[in-house]
């Protein structure tokens, strides 16, 4: 979708330089995705979970060490 918006050019240039993103469109898309992830994370951490929900959040058969070794770490 095409649209016109006012963007802080210095900030956009800084984001492009820091991330290595080459186009303004890609930089804006990156910013939107990053903002969405941050908002979801904030919402998740603001949610109070009871002990049953916490226990069900992770598969009891999950072995973090096995996963790390399978990734080559």
Protein backbone atom coordinates (compact mmCIF):
# COMPACT_ATOMS: atom_id res chain seq x y z
CA UNK A 1 0.00 0.00 0.00
CA UNK A 2 1.37 3.37 -0.91
CA UNK A 3 1.02 6.26 1.49
CA UNK A 4 2.62 9.54 2.35
CA UNK A 5 3.95 10.11 5.84
CA UNK A 6 6.24 12.41 7.71
CA UNK A 7 9.31 10.56 8.97
CA UNK A 8 12.27 11.77 10.98
CA UNK A 9 14.90 11.47 8.24
CA UNK A 10 17.84 11.35 10.68
CA UNK A 11 16.24 8.56 12.68
CA UNK A 12 15.39 6.60 9.54
CA UNK A 13 18.96 6.97 8.25
CA UNK A 14 20.33 5.86 11.62
CA UNK A 15 18.10 2.76 11.64
CA UNK A 16 19.19 1.92 8.10
CA UNK A 17 22.86 2.31 9.02
CA UNK A 18 22.58 0.30 12.25
CA UNK A 19 20.66 -2.57 10.66
CA UNK A 20 22.26 -2.59 7.23
CA UNK A 21 18.85 -2.17 5.62
CA UNK A 22 19.24 -0.55 2.22
CA UNK A 23 15.78 0.83 1.42
CA UNK A 24 13.49 3.19 3.28
CA UNK A 25 10.54 0.86 2.69
CA UNK A 26 12.39 -2.07 4.25
CA UNK A 27 13.46 0.12 7.18
CA UNK A 28 9.87 1.19 7.87
CA UNK A 29 8.71 -2.43 7.59
CA UNK A 30 11.46 -3.46 10.04
CA UNK A 31 10.36 -0.74 12.46
CA UNK A 32 6.73 -1.84 12.28
CA UNK A 33 7.63 -5.50 12.87
CA UNK A 34 9.88 -4.55 15.78
CA UNK A 35 7.15 -2.39 17.32
CA UNK A 36 4.61 -5.19 16.93
CA UNK A 37 6.92 -7.70 18.67
CA UNK A 38 7.58 -5.23 21.49
CA UNK A 39 3.85 -4.61 22.00
CA UNK A 40 3.10 -8.37 22.05
CA UNK A 41 5.93 -8.94 24.54
CA UNK A 42 4.65 -6.15 26.81
CA UNK A 43 1.14 -7.60 26.69
CA UNK A 44 2.45 -11.09 27.47
CA UNK A 45 4.53 -9.93 30.43
CA UNK A 46 1.64 -7.85 31.77
CA UNK A 47 -0.54 -10.97 31.93
CA UNK A 48 -0.65 -12.71 35.29
CA UNK A 49 -0.47 -16.48 34.99
CA UNK A 50 -1.58 -18.90 37.67
CA UNK A 51 0.55 -21.94 38.59
CA UNK A 52 -1.41 -24.31 36.34
CA UNK A 53 -0.94 -22.05 33.31
CA UNK A 54 2.78 -21.73 34.05
CA UNK A 55 3.14 -25.51 34.37
CA UNK A 56 1.34 -26.02 31.05
CA UNK A 57 3.42 -23.36 29.27
CA UNK A 58 6.40 -25.66 28.71
CA UNK A 59 6.32 -29.25 27.53
CA UNK A 60 7.64 -31.41 30.40
CA UNK A 61 9.63 -33.44 27.85
CA UNK A 62 11.45 -30.35 26.56
CA UNK A 63 15.20 -30.65 27.00
CA UNK A 64 16.93 -27.30 26.46
CA UNK A 65 20.40 -28.89 26.50
CA UNK A 66 19.45 -31.39 23.78
CA UNK A 67 18.11 -28.53 21.64
CA UNK A 68 21.30 -26.50 22.13
CA UNK A 69 23.46 -29.44 21.13
CA UNK A 70 21.33 -30.15 18.05
CA UNK A 71 21.81 -26.53 16.93
CA UNK A 72 25.58 -27.02 16.99
CA UNK A 73 26.17 -24.79 20.01
